[in-house]
Protein backbone atom coordinates (compact mmCIF):
# COMPACT_ATOMS: atom_id res chain seq x y z
CA UNK A 1 0.00 0.00 0.00
CA UNK A 2 1.01 3.60 -0.56
CA UNK A 3 -0.17 6.85 0.94
CA UNK A 4 0.33 10.48 -0.05
CA UNK A 5 0.84 13.15 2.59
CA UNK A 6 0.22 16.62 1.17
CA UNK A 7 1.23 19.81 2.93
CA UNK A 8 0.01 23.33 2.24
CA UNK A 9 2.60 25.81 3.46
CA UNK A 10 2.06 29.22 5.00
CA UNK A 11 2.82 32.18 2.73
CA UNK A 12 5.99 32.96 4.70
CA UNK A 13 7.19 29.34 4.46
CA UNK A 14 10.64 30.18 3.14
CA UNK A 15 11.31 32.50 6.08
CA UNK A 16 9.80 30.40 8.88
CA UNK A 17 11.06 26.93 7.94
CA UNK A 18 14.71 27.53 8.85
CA UNK A 19 14.26 27.10 12.60
CA UNK A 20 12.49 23.75 12.03
CA UNK A 21 14.20 22.43 8.90
CA UNK A 22 16.92 20.34 10.52
CA UNK A 23 14.43 18.51 12.77
CA UNK A 24 11.98 18.11 9.88
CA UNK A 25 14.67 16.53 7.70
CA UNK A 26 15.87 14.30 10.54
CA UNK A 27 12.32 13.02 11.03
CA UNK A 28 12.05 12.37 7.30
CA UNK A 29 15.32 10.47 7.03
CA UNK A 30 14.37 8.36 10.05
CA UNK A 31 11.15 7.40 8.23
CA UNK A 32 13.22 6.55 5.14
CA UNK A 33 15.52 4.34 7.21
CA UNK A 34 12.49 2.50 8.66
CA UNK A 35 11.31 1.82 5.09
CA UNK A 36 8.15 3.96 5.47
CA UNK A 37 8.96 7.04 3.38
CA UNK A 38 9.90 6.69 -0.29
CA UNK A 39 10.12 10.32 -1.43
CA UNK A 40 9.35 13.77 -0.15
CA UNK A 41 9.80 17.36 -1.22
CA UNK A 42 8.30 20.63 -2.36
CA UNK A 43 6.11 20.84 -5.46
CA UNK A 44 5.70 23.80 -7.78
CA UNK A 45 7.33 27.17 -8.18
CA UNK A 46 6.16 28.57 -4.83
CA UNK A 47 6.88 26.21 -3.22
CA UNK A 48 3.66 26.20 -1.30
CA UNK A 49 2.87 22.50 -1.46
CA UNK A 50 4.82 19.52 -0.19
CA UNK A 51 4.29 15.85 -1.03
CA UNK A 52 5.57 12.83 0.84
CA UNK A 53 5.02 9.27 -0.41
CA UNK A 54 4.74 6.51 2.18
CA UNK A 55 4.77 2.74 1.68
CA UNK A 56 4.16 -0.42 3.65
CA UNK A 57 1.28 -2.26 5.28
CA UNK A 58 0.48 0.77 7.45
CA UNK A 59 1.37 3.55 5.00
CA UNK A 60 -1.63 5.74 5.82
CA UNK A 61 -1.03 5.47 9.55
CA UNK A 62 2.67 6.21 9.02
CA UNK A 63 1.80 9.34 7.02
CA UNK A 64 -0.58 10.58 9.71
CA UNK A 65 1.93 9.88 12.48
CA UNK A 66 4.63 11.69 10.52
CA UNK A 67 2.47 14.80 10.14
CA UNK A 68 1.50 14.77 13.82
CA UNK A 69 5.18 14.72 14.84
CA UNK A 70 6.60 16.97 12.11
CA UNK A 71 8.07 20.26 13.39
CA UNK A 72 6.81 21.94 10.21
CA UNK A 73 3.25 21.08 11.30
CA UNK A 74 3.64 21.70 15.04
CA UNK A 75 5.57 24.93 14.38
CA UNK A 76 2.99 26.42 12.00
CA UNK A 77 5.06 26.25 8.80
CA UNK A 78 2.33 23.99 7.38
CA UNK A 79 -1.17 25.52 7.23
CA UNK A 80 -2.94 22.24 6.54
CA UNK A 81 -2.24 18.66 5.58
CA UNK A 82 -4.06 15.64 4.22
CA UNK A 83 -3.05 11.99 4.20
CA UNK A 84 -4.78 9.79 1.64
CA UNK A 85 -4.38 6.21 0.45
CA UNK A 86 -2.88 5.91 -3.01
CA UNK A 87 -3.75 2.94 -5.20
CA UNK A 88 -0.62 2.42 -7.27
CA UNK A 89 -0.95 0.29 -10.42
CA UNK A 90 2.06 1.23 -12.57
CA UNK A 91 5.75 0.83 -11.89
CA UNK A 92 8.11 -1.60 -10.21
CA UNK A 93 6.99 -0.47 -6.74
CA UNK A 94 3.23 -0.53 -7.48
CA UNK A 95 1.25 -2.10 -4.65
CA UNK A 96 -1.36 -3.57 -7.00
CA UNK A 97 0.24 -3.79 -10.45
CA UNK A 98 -2.12 -3.92 -13.41
CA UNK A 99 -0.79 -4.94 -16.78
CA UNK A 100 -2.64 -5.05 -20.10
């Protein structure tokens, strides 16, 4: 299973993130090392959106737990977040591959 965690950043994101960035990245790399987080980063030209892709049997729960503990969320750098299941069907890492 996969899950997508989407962040919407505050308008002053680039200014406010610095005090939390090291702890945010540490939390992310710990999730990578546990095999829960595949990819994460900012999307767009803002950047005012962040996406993190989680994997595993409890991917959705891992995404929610990550957001709850993330200094970007607790420190107000992130205005809102959503964690949703992602049904992956294409690619080597697809949870439910579908081929023609």
